[in-house]
Amino acid sequence: MKKSGNQPANKSEQYANASDFCELFRRDTESLYQLAFVLTGNGQRAEEALASALEDCFKSRVFKPWARSWSRLALIERAIKSAVLDLNGSSEHLGHRSAELDAILHLKAFDRFVYVLSVFEKYSIKDCAILLKASKREVMESKIRALQEVTAFIGVPSTNVESPVQLSA
């Protein structure tokens, strides 16, 4: 029974449960897998990160409206941890891919993490620094380097990629 307005009858209805996360992962499987693959550079590690993130979500107490964001963050954390374990490994090459994806997978792991988080996931430099346990300067330098490398790889003249801010010494 619901209270007046849109308030749940009890507090447990405010939180996402396992079936909510299963539905979310089922609905977003393709985009979640693509995110994990781009971060890890490896199909098997992407699948493992996806499964581990779902398990992490089951253990979480998260408001329903935040469940999607929470699941993406859980996946990002798992994918980064997985990729860090395999820094010396190479990225998989699976069939035909876009030039941009190839360029991203050729980035060094840290630069790839920063690029994906800041460009695709729209994380701020500050949020990337917190998540990656790095300084804002390191993240900014990495983002600039990644943007330059990706644009060079796909054939965009590097003069089109400028530093968004001046870095002070």
N, C-alpha and C. Protein backbone atom coordinates (compact mmCIF):
# COMPACT_ATOMS: atom_id res chain seq x y z
N MET A 1 0.82 -1.17 0.00
CA MET A 1 0.00 0.00 0.00
C MET A 1 0.88 1.25 0.00
N LYS A 2 0.57 2.18 -0.89
CA LYS A 2 1.36 3.40 -1.03
C LYS A 2 0.80 4.50 -0.15
N LYS A 3 1.71 5.34 0.33
CA LYS A 3 1.30 6.53 1.05
C LYS A 3 0.85 7.56 0.04
N SER A 4 0.28 8.66 0.53
CA SER A 4 -0.14 9.71 -0.39
C SER A 4 1.08 10.26 -1.12
N GLY A 5 0.87 10.80 -2.30
CA GLY A 5 1.98 11.23 -3.13
C GLY A 5 2.59 10.00 -3.78
N ASN A 6 3.87 10.03 -4.02
CA ASN A 6 4.54 8.88 -4.61
C ASN A 6 5.49 8.23 -3.63
N GLN A 7 5.21 8.33 -2.35
CA GLN A 7 6.06 7.75 -1.33
C GLN A 7 5.77 6.26 -1.19
N PRO A 8 6.83 5.42 -1.14
CA PRO A 8 6.62 3.98 -0.92
C PRO A 8 6.03 3.72 0.46
N ALA A 9 5.32 2.60 0.57
CA ALA A 9 4.70 2.23 1.83
C ALA A 9 5.74 1.92 2.90
N ASN A 10 6.86 1.31 2.52
CA ASN A 10 7.91 1.06 3.49
C ASN A 10 9.27 1.37 2.87
N LYS A 11 10.27 1.50 3.73
CA LYS A 11 11.59 1.94 3.27
C LYS A 11 12.25 0.96 2.31
N SER A 12 11.98 -0.32 2.44
CA SER A 12 12.64 -1.30 1.57
C SER A 12 12.24 -1.10 0.11
N GLU A 13 11.08 -0.52 -0.14
CA GLU A 13 10.67 -0.26 -1.52
C GLU A 13 11.44 0.89 -2.15
N GLN A 14 12.13 1.67 -1.35
CA GLN A 14 12.92 2.79 -1.86
C GLN A 14 14.23 2.33 -2.47
N TYR A 15 14.66 1.13 -2.12
CA TYR A 15 15.96 0.64 -2.53
C TYR A 15 15.86 -0.39 -3.65
N ALA A 16 16.86 -0.38 -4.53
CA ALA A 16 16.92 -1.38 -5.60
C ALA A 16 17.24 -2.74 -4.98
N ASN A 17 16.59 -3.77 -5.48
CA ASN A 17 16.86 -5.12 -5.01
C ASN A 17 17.48 -5.93 -6.15
N ALA A 18 17.76 -7.19 -5.89
CA ALA A 18 18.43 -8.03 -6.89
C ALA A 18 17.66 -8.08 -8.20
N SER A 19 16.35 -8.20 -8.15
CA SER A 19 15.58 -8.27 -9.40
C SER A 19 15.63 -6.94 -10.16
N ASP A 20 15.70 -5.81 -9.44
CA ASP A 20 15.85 -4.52 -10.11
C ASP A 20 17.18 -4.46 -10.86
N PHE A 21 18.26 -4.91 -10.20
CA PHE A 21 19.56 -4.89 -10.84
C PHE A 21 19.62 -5.89 -12.00
N CYS A 22 19.02 -7.06 -11.84
CA CYS A 22 18.99 -8.03 -12.94
C CYS A 22 18.30 -7.44 -14.16
N GLU A 23 17.18 -6.78 -13.95
CA GLU A 23 16.45 -6.15 -15.05
C GLU A 23 17.29 -5.05 -15.69
N LEU A 24 17.94 -4.26 -14.87
CA LEU A 24 18.77 -3.19 -15.39
C LEU A 24 19.92 -3.76 -16.23
N PHE A 25 20.60 -4.78 -15.71
CA PHE A 25 21.71 -5.39 -16.45
C PHE A 25 21.20 -6.07 -17.72
N ARG A 26 20.02 -6.70 -17.67
CA ARG A 26 19.46 -7.34 -18.86
C ARG A 26 19.17 -6.27 -19.93
N ARG A 27 18.56 -5.19 -19.51
CA ARG A 27 18.18 -4.13 -20.44
C ARG A 27 19.40 -3.41 -21.02
N ASP A 28 20.46 -3.24 -20.21
CA ASP A 28 21.64 -2.48 -20.63
C ASP A 28 22.85 -3.35 -20.94
N THR A 29 22.65 -4.64 -21.15
CA THR A 29 23.77 -5.56 -21.33
C THR A 29 24.75 -5.10 -22.40
N GLU A 30 24.24 -4.73 -23.55
CA GLU A 30 25.13 -4.36 -24.66
C GLU A 30 26.00 -3.15 -24.32
N SER A 31 25.38 -2.10 -23.79
CA SER A 31 26.17 -0.90 -23.48
C SER A 31 27.12 -1.14 -22.31
N LEU A 32 26.70 -1.94 -21.33
CA LEU A 32 27.57 -2.26 -20.21
C LEU A 32 28.76 -3.10 -20.67
N TYR A 33 28.50 -4.07 -21.54
CA TYR A 33 29.59 -4.90 -22.06
C TYR A 33 30.56 -4.05 -22.87
N GLN A 34 30.04 -3.17 -23.72
CA GLN A 34 30.92 -2.31 -24.52
C GLN A 34 31.79 -1.43 -23.63
N LEU A 35 31.21 -0.89 -22.58
CA LEU A 35 31.97 -0.08 -21.63
C LEU A 35 33.08 -0.92 -20.99
N ALA A 36 32.75 -2.10 -20.53
CA ALA A 36 33.74 -2.98 -19.91
C ALA A 36 34.82 -3.39 -20.90
N PHE A 37 34.43 -3.67 -22.15
CA PHE A 37 35.41 -4.08 -23.15
C PHE A 37 36.38 -2.95 -23.47
N VAL A 38 35.86 -1.74 -23.62
CA VAL A 38 36.74 -0.62 -23.94
C VAL A 38 37.70 -0.35 -22.78
N LEU A 39 37.24 -0.51 -21.56
CA LEU A 39 38.12 -0.29 -20.41
C LEU A 39 39.16 -1.40 -20.27
N THR A 40 38.74 -2.65 -20.42
CA THR A 40 39.67 -3.76 -20.21
C THR A 40 40.47 -4.11 -21.46
N GLY A 41 39.90 -3.86 -22.63
CA GLY A 41 40.57 -4.23 -23.88
C GLY A 41 40.55 -5.72 -24.13
N ASN A 42 39.68 -6.45 -23.43
CA ASN A 42 39.69 -7.90 -23.50
C ASN A 42 38.28 -8.43 -23.25
N GLY A 43 37.77 -9.27 -24.16
CA GLY A 43 36.42 -9.78 -24.06
C GLY A 43 36.15 -10.60 -22.81
N GLN A 44 37.07 -11.49 -22.47
CA GLN A 44 36.89 -12.33 -21.29
C GLN A 44 36.89 -11.49 -20.01
N ARG A 45 37.82 -10.57 -19.91
CA ARG A 45 37.88 -9.71 -18.73
C ARG A 45 36.64 -8.81 -18.65
N ALA A 46 36.13 -8.39 -19.80
CA ALA A 46 34.90 -7.57 -19.83
C ALA A 46 33.73 -8.37 -19.26
N GLU A 47 33.61 -9.63 -19.68
CA GLU A 47 32.53 -10.48 -19.17
C GLU A 47 32.67 -10.71 -17.67
N GLU A 48 33.91 -10.95 -17.22
CA GLU A 48 34.15 -11.15 -15.79
C GLU A 48 33.80 -9.89 -14.99
N ALA A 49 34.16 -8.72 -15.53
CA ALA A 49 33.85 -7.45 -14.86
C ALA A 49 32.34 -7.25 -14.79
N LEU A 50 31.64 -7.60 -15.85
CA LEU A 50 30.19 -7.47 -15.89
C LEU A 50 29.54 -8.36 -14.81
N ALA A 51 29.98 -9.62 -14.72
CA ALA A 51 29.43 -10.53 -13.72
C ALA A 51 29.77 -10.07 -12.30
N SER A 52 31.00 -9.64 -12.09
CA SER A 52 31.41 -9.17 -10.76
C SER A 52 30.65 -7.91 -10.35
N ALA A 53 30.43 -7.02 -11.30
CA ALA A 53 29.69 -5.78 -11.00
C ALA A 53 28.26 -6.11 -10.59
N LEU A 54 27.64 -7.06 -11.28
CA LEU A 54 26.29 -7.45 -10.92
C LEU A 54 26.25 -8.02 -9.50
N GLU A 55 27.23 -8.85 -9.16
CA GLU A 55 27.31 -9.38 -7.79
C GLU A 55 27.48 -8.26 -6.78
N ASP A 56 28.32 -7.26 -7.11
CA ASP A 56 28.52 -6.12 -6.21
C ASP A 56 27.22 -5.36 -6.01
N CYS A 57 26.46 -5.21 -7.08
CA CYS A 57 25.19 -4.49 -7.00
C CYS A 57 24.20 -5.22 -6.10
N PHE A 58 24.19 -6.55 -6.15
CA PHE A 58 23.31 -7.33 -5.29
C PHE A 58 23.56 -7.02 -3.81
N LYS A 59 24.82 -6.75 -3.47
CA LYS A 59 25.21 -6.52 -2.08
C LYS A 59 25.00 -5.06 -1.66
N SER A 60 24.64 -4.22 -2.61
CA SER A 60 24.54 -2.78 -2.35
C SER A 60 23.16 -2.36 -1.89
N ARG A 61 23.12 -1.33 -1.11
CA ARG A 61 21.86 -0.72 -0.69
C ARG A 61 21.82 0.65 -1.35
N VAL A 62 21.09 0.73 -2.46
CA VAL A 62 21.09 1.92 -3.30
C VAL A 62 19.64 2.32 -3.59
N PHE A 63 19.37 3.61 -3.53
CA PHE A 63 18.04 4.08 -3.90
C PHE A 63 17.76 3.71 -5.35
N LYS A 64 16.52 3.29 -5.62
CA LYS A 64 16.15 2.87 -6.98
C LYS A 64 16.51 3.89 -8.05
N PRO A 65 16.27 5.17 -7.83
CA PRO A 65 16.61 6.13 -8.89
C PRO A 65 18.11 6.20 -9.19
N TRP A 66 18.94 5.72 -8.28
CA TRP A 66 20.38 5.75 -8.48
C TRP A 66 20.94 4.43 -9.00
N ALA A 67 20.11 3.43 -9.17
CA ALA A 67 20.58 2.08 -9.50
C ALA A 67 21.37 2.03 -10.81
N ARG A 68 20.91 2.72 -11.83
CA ARG A 68 21.61 2.67 -13.12
C ARG A 68 23.01 3.28 -13.00
N SER A 69 23.10 4.45 -12.39
CA SER A 69 24.40 5.08 -12.20
C SER A 69 25.31 4.22 -11.32
N TRP A 70 24.72 3.65 -10.28
CA TRP A 70 25.49 2.79 -9.38
C TRP A 70 26.04 1.57 -10.12
N SER A 71 25.24 0.96 -10.96
CA SER A 71 25.68 -0.23 -11.69
C SER A 71 26.81 0.12 -12.66
N ARG A 72 26.74 1.27 -13.31
CA ARG A 72 27.81 1.69 -14.23
C ARG A 72 29.09 1.94 -13.45
N LEU A 73 28.98 2.58 -12.29
CA LEU A 73 30.16 2.83 -11.46
C LEU A 73 30.76 1.51 -10.98
N ALA A 74 29.93 0.58 -10.55
CA ALA A 74 30.42 -0.74 -10.11
C ALA A 74 31.16 -1.43 -11.26
N LEU A 75 30.61 -1.34 -12.46
CA LEU A 75 31.24 -1.96 -13.62
C LEU A 75 32.57 -1.27 -13.95
N ILE A 76 32.59 0.04 -13.92
CA ILE A 76 33.83 0.77 -14.20
C ILE A 76 34.92 0.37 -13.21
N GLU A 77 34.57 0.32 -11.93
CA GLU A 77 35.56 -0.07 -10.92
C GLU A 77 36.07 -1.48 -11.15
N ARG A 78 35.18 -2.41 -11.45
CA ARG A 78 35.59 -3.80 -11.70
C ARG A 78 36.44 -3.91 -12.97
N ALA A 79 36.05 -3.20 -14.01
CA ALA A 79 36.80 -3.27 -15.27
C ALA A 79 38.20 -2.69 -15.10
N ILE A 80 38.30 -1.59 -14.38
CA ILE A 80 39.63 -0.98 -14.15
C ILE A 80 40.49 -1.92 -13.32
N LYS A 81 39.94 -2.50 -12.26
CA LYS A 81 40.71 -3.44 -11.45
C LYS A 81 41.17 -4.62 -12.30
N SER A 82 40.30 -5.12 -13.15
CA SER A 82 40.64 -6.25 -14.01
C SER A 82 41.74 -5.87 -14.99
N ALA A 83 41.63 -4.70 -15.58
CA ALA A 83 42.63 -4.26 -16.56
C ALA A 83 43.98 -4.01 -15.90
N VAL A 84 43.97 -3.47 -14.69
CA VAL A 84 45.21 -3.21 -13.98
C VAL A 84 45.95 -4.52 -13.70
N LEU A 85 45.21 -5.59 -13.45
CA LEU A 85 45.83 -6.90 -13.23
C LEU A 85 46.52 -7.42 -14.48
N ASP A 86 46.12 -6.92 -15.64
CA ASP A 86 46.64 -7.42 -16.91
C ASP A 86 47.30 -6.32 -17.73
N LEU A 87 48.00 -5.40 -17.07
CA LEU A 87 48.60 -4.28 -17.78
C LEU A 87 49.60 -4.70 -18.85
N ASN A 88 50.26 -5.83 -18.65
CA ASN A 88 51.25 -6.27 -19.63
C ASN A 88 50.63 -7.05 -20.77
N GLY A 89 49.36 -7.41 -20.64
CA GLY A 89 48.68 -8.14 -21.70
C GLY A 89 48.32 -7.22 -22.85
N SER A 90 47.95 -7.79 -23.95
CA SER A 90 47.57 -6.97 -25.10
C SER A 90 46.07 -6.97 -25.26
N SER A 91 45.59 -5.98 -25.96
CA SER A 91 44.16 -5.89 -26.23
C SER A 91 43.77 -6.94 -27.26
N GLU A 92 42.57 -7.46 -27.12
CA GLU A 92 42.04 -8.41 -28.09
C GLU A 92 41.70 -7.70 -29.37
N HIS A 93 41.79 -8.42 -30.45
CA HIS A 93 41.34 -7.88 -31.73
C HIS A 93 40.24 -8.79 -32.23
N LEU A 94 39.01 -8.30 -32.15
CA LEU A 94 37.85 -9.10 -32.50
C LEU A 94 37.19 -8.57 -33.76
N GLY A 95 37.48 -9.15 -34.90
CA GLY A 95 36.78 -8.78 -36.12
C GLY A 95 36.93 -7.33 -36.50
N HIS A 96 35.94 -6.83 -37.23
CA HIS A 96 35.95 -5.45 -37.70
C HIS A 96 35.48 -4.50 -36.61
N ARG A 97 36.28 -3.50 -36.36
CA ARG A 97 35.92 -2.49 -35.37
C ARG A 97 36.13 -1.13 -35.99
N SER A 98 35.58 -0.13 -35.36
CA SER A 98 35.77 1.23 -35.84
C SER A 98 37.20 1.68 -35.57
N ALA A 99 37.64 2.67 -36.32
CA ALA A 99 38.98 3.22 -36.12
C ALA A 99 39.11 3.82 -34.73
N GLU A 100 38.02 4.45 -34.24
CA GLU A 100 38.07 5.05 -32.91
C GLU A 100 38.27 3.98 -31.84
N LEU A 101 37.56 2.86 -31.95
CA LEU A 101 37.73 1.79 -30.96
C LEU A 101 39.14 1.24 -31.01
N ASP A 102 39.67 1.01 -32.21
CA ASP A 102 41.05 0.55 -32.32
C ASP A 102 42.00 1.54 -31.67
N ALA A 103 41.76 2.83 -31.92
CA ALA A 103 42.62 3.87 -31.34
C ALA A 103 42.55 3.84 -29.81
N ILE A 104 41.36 3.69 -29.27
CA ILE A 104 41.18 3.65 -27.81
C ILE A 104 41.90 2.44 -27.22
N LEU A 105 41.76 1.30 -27.88
CA LEU A 105 42.39 0.08 -27.36
C LEU A 105 43.91 0.12 -27.45
N HIS A 106 44.46 1.01 -28.30
CA HIS A 106 45.91 1.15 -28.38
C HIS A 106 46.48 2.11 -27.34
N LEU A 107 45.62 2.80 -26.63
CA LEU A 107 46.09 3.70 -25.58
C LEU A 107 46.66 2.90 -24.41
N LYS A 108 47.60 3.52 -23.70
CA LYS A 108 48.07 2.91 -22.45
C LYS A 108 46.87 2.82 -21.51
N ALA A 109 46.90 1.87 -20.60
CA ALA A 109 45.74 1.59 -19.74
C ALA A 109 45.22 2.84 -19.03
N PHE A 110 46.09 3.60 -18.38
CA PHE A 110 45.62 4.77 -17.63
C PHE A 110 44.98 5.79 -18.56
N ASP A 111 45.61 6.04 -19.71
CA ASP A 111 45.05 6.98 -20.68
C ASP A 111 43.70 6.50 -21.20
N ARG A 112 43.58 5.19 -21.40
CA ARG A 112 42.32 4.62 -21.86
C ARG A 112 41.23 4.81 -20.81
N PHE A 113 41.56 4.57 -19.54
CA PHE A 113 40.58 4.77 -18.47
C PHE A 113 40.10 6.22 -18.46
N VAL A 114 41.04 7.15 -18.50
CA VAL A 114 40.69 8.57 -18.46
C VAL A 114 39.84 8.95 -19.67
N TYR A 115 40.24 8.48 -20.83
CA TYR A 115 39.51 8.82 -22.07
C TYR A 115 38.07 8.32 -21.99
N VAL A 116 37.90 7.07 -21.65
CA VAL A 116 36.56 6.48 -21.60
C VAL A 116 35.71 7.15 -20.52
N LEU A 117 36.27 7.34 -19.34
CA LEU A 117 35.50 7.94 -18.26
C LEU A 117 35.13 9.39 -18.57
N SER A 118 36.05 10.16 -19.10
CA SER A 118 35.78 11.58 -19.31
C SER A 118 35.01 11.85 -20.60
N VAL A 119 35.30 11.12 -21.66
CA VAL A 119 34.64 11.39 -22.95
C VAL A 119 33.30 10.66 -23.05
N PHE A 120 33.27 9.38 -22.76
CA PHE A 120 32.04 8.61 -22.93
C PHE A 120 31.11 8.69 -21.72
N GLU A 121 31.68 8.61 -20.53
CA GLU A 121 30.86 8.60 -19.32
C GLU A 121 30.66 9.99 -18.74
N LYS A 122 31.34 10.98 -19.29
CA LYS A 122 31.18 12.39 -18.89
C LYS A 122 31.60 12.67 -17.44
N TYR A 123 32.58 11.91 -16.94
CA TYR A 123 33.10 12.18 -15.61
C TYR A 123 33.97 13.44 -15.68
N SER A 124 33.93 14.23 -14.64
CA SER A 124 34.78 15.42 -14.56
C SER A 124 36.22 14.98 -14.30
N ILE A 125 37.15 15.90 -14.50
CA ILE A 125 38.55 15.62 -14.20
C ILE A 125 38.69 15.26 -12.73
N LYS A 126 38.01 16.01 -11.88
CA LYS A 126 38.07 15.75 -10.43
C LYS A 126 37.55 14.34 -10.11
N ASP A 127 36.41 13.97 -10.70
CA ASP A 127 35.84 12.65 -10.43
C ASP A 127 36.74 11.53 -10.96
N CYS A 128 37.34 11.74 -12.12
CA CYS A 128 38.29 10.76 -12.66
C CYS A 128 39.47 10.60 -11.71
N ALA A 129 39.98 11.72 -11.21
CA ALA A 129 41.12 11.68 -10.29
C ALA A 129 40.78 10.89 -9.03
N ILE A 130 39.59 11.11 -8.51
CA ILE A 130 39.17 10.38 -7.30
C ILE A 130 39.05 8.89 -7.60
N LEU A 131 38.37 8.55 -8.67
CA LEU A 131 38.15 7.15 -9.01
C LEU A 131 39.46 6.42 -9.32
N LEU A 132 40.37 7.10 -10.00
CA LEU A 132 41.63 6.48 -10.42
C LEU A 132 42.77 6.69 -9.42
N LYS A 133 42.46 7.37 -8.31
CA LYS A 133 43.46 7.63 -7.28
C LYS A 133 44.70 8.32 -7.87
N ALA A 134 44.44 9.39 -8.60
CA ALA A 134 45.50 10.14 -9.26
C ALA A 134 45.26 11.63 -9.02
N SER A 135 46.25 12.44 -9.33
CA SER A 135 46.05 13.88 -9.19
C SER A 135 45.25 14.41 -10.37
N LYS A 136 44.64 15.57 -10.17
CA LYS A 136 43.89 16.19 -11.27
C LYS A 136 44.84 16.51 -12.43
N ARG A 137 46.04 16.92 -12.12
CA ARG A 137 47.03 17.22 -13.16
C ARG A 137 47.35 15.96 -13.99
N GLU A 138 47.56 14.84 -13.31
CA GLU A 138 47.84 13.58 -14.03
C GLU A 138 46.69 13.21 -14.95
N VAL A 139 45.46 13.39 -14.46
CA VAL A 139 44.28 13.06 -15.26
C VAL A 139 44.17 14.00 -16.45
N MET A 140 44.36 15.29 -16.23
CA MET A 140 44.27 16.26 -17.32
C MET A 140 45.34 15.97 -18.39
N GLU A 141 46.56 15.73 -17.95
CA GLU A 141 47.63 15.42 -18.91
C GLU A 141 47.30 14.14 -19.67
N SER A 142 46.76 13.16 -18.99
CA SER A 142 46.39 11.90 -19.62
C SER A 142 45.27 12.11 -20.64
N LYS A 143 44.29 12.93 -20.29
CA LYS A 143 43.18 13.19 -21.21
C LYS A 143 43.69 13.89 -22.47
N ILE A 144 44.55 14.87 -22.30
CA ILE A 144 45.12 15.58 -23.46
C ILE A 144 45.90 14.60 -24.34
N ARG A 145 46.73 13.80 -23.71
CA ARG A 145 47.53 12.82 -24.45
C ARG A 145 46.63 11.83 -25.19
N ALA A 146 45.59 11.34 -24.50
CA ALA A 146 44.68 10.37 -25.13
C ALA A 146 43.93 11.00 -26.30
N LEU A 147 43.45 12.22 -26.13
CA LEU A 147 42.75 12.90 -27.22
C LEU A 147 43.68 13.08 -28.43
N GLN A 148 44.92 13.46 -28.17
CA GLN A 148 45.88 13.63 -29.25
C GLN A 148 46.17 12.30 -29.96
N GLU A 149 46.35 11.25 -29.17
CA GLU A 149 46.66 9.94 -29.76
C GLU A 149 45.48 9.38 -30.55
N VAL A 150 44.28 9.51 -30.01
CA VAL A 150 43.09 8.98 -30.71
C VAL A 150 42.88 9.74 -32.01
N THR A 151 42.96 11.07 -31.95
CA THR A 151 42.74 11.84 -33.18
C THR A 151 43.83 11.57 -34.21
N ALA A 152 45.08 11.40 -33.78
CA ALA A 152 46.16 11.07 -34.71
C ALA A 152 45.93 9.69 -35.32
N PHE A 153 45.49 8.74 -34.51
CA PHE A 153 45.27 7.37 -34.98
C PHE A 153 44.17 7.31 -36.04
N ILE A 154 43.12 8.11 -35.86
CA ILE A 154 42.01 8.06 -36.82
C ILE A 154 42.18 9.07 -37.95
N GLY A 155 43.30 9.81 -37.94
CA GLY A 155 43.62 10.67 -39.07
C GLY A 155 43.15 12.11 -38.96
N VAL A 156 42.80 12.56 -37.78
CA VAL A 156 42.43 13.96 -37.59
C VAL A 156 43.73 14.70 -37.28
N PRO A 157 44.01 15.80 -37.97
CA PRO A 157 45.25 16.55 -37.69
C PRO A 157 45.32 16.95 -36.22
N SER A 158 46.50 16.78 -35.64
CA SER A 158 46.66 17.06 -34.21
C SER A 158 46.48 18.52 -33.86
N THR A 159 46.53 19.42 -34.85
CA THR A 159 46.32 20.84 -34.56
C THR A 159 44.89 21.10 -34.11
N ASN A 160 43.97 20.14 -34.36
CA ASN A 160 42.59 20.30 -33.93
C ASN A 160 42.37 19.91 -32.48
N VAL A 161 43.36 19.30 -31.87
CA VAL A 161 43.25 18.89 -30.47
C VAL A 161 44.14 19.79 -29.65
N GLU A 162 43.53 20.68 -28.93
CA GLU A 162 44.28 21.60 -28.10
C GLU A 162 43.97 21.34 -26.64
N SER A 163 44.88 21.77 -25.81
CA SER A 163 44.65 21.65 -24.38
C SER A 163 43.47 22.52 -23.99
N PRO A 164 42.46 21.96 -23.31
CA PRO A 164 41.32 22.76 -22.91
C PRO A 164 41.66 23.82 -21.86
N VAL A 165 42.74 23.60 -21.13
CA VAL A 165 43.19 24.58 -20.15
C VAL A 165 44.70 24.56 -20.13
N GLN A 166 45.27 25.65 -19.71
CA GLN A 166 46.72 25.69 -19.55
C GLN A 166 47.06 25.04 -18.22
N LEU A 167 48.04 24.16 -18.25
CA LEU A 167 48.48 23.52 -17.02
C LEU A 167 49.61 24.34 -16.44
N SER A 168 49.51 24.71 -15.19
CA SER A 168 50.57 25.46 -14.54
C SER A 168 51.57 24.49 -13.93
N ALA A 169 52.79 24.92 -13.88
CA ALA A 169 53.85 24.03 -13.37
C ALA A 169 53.76 23.79 -11.91
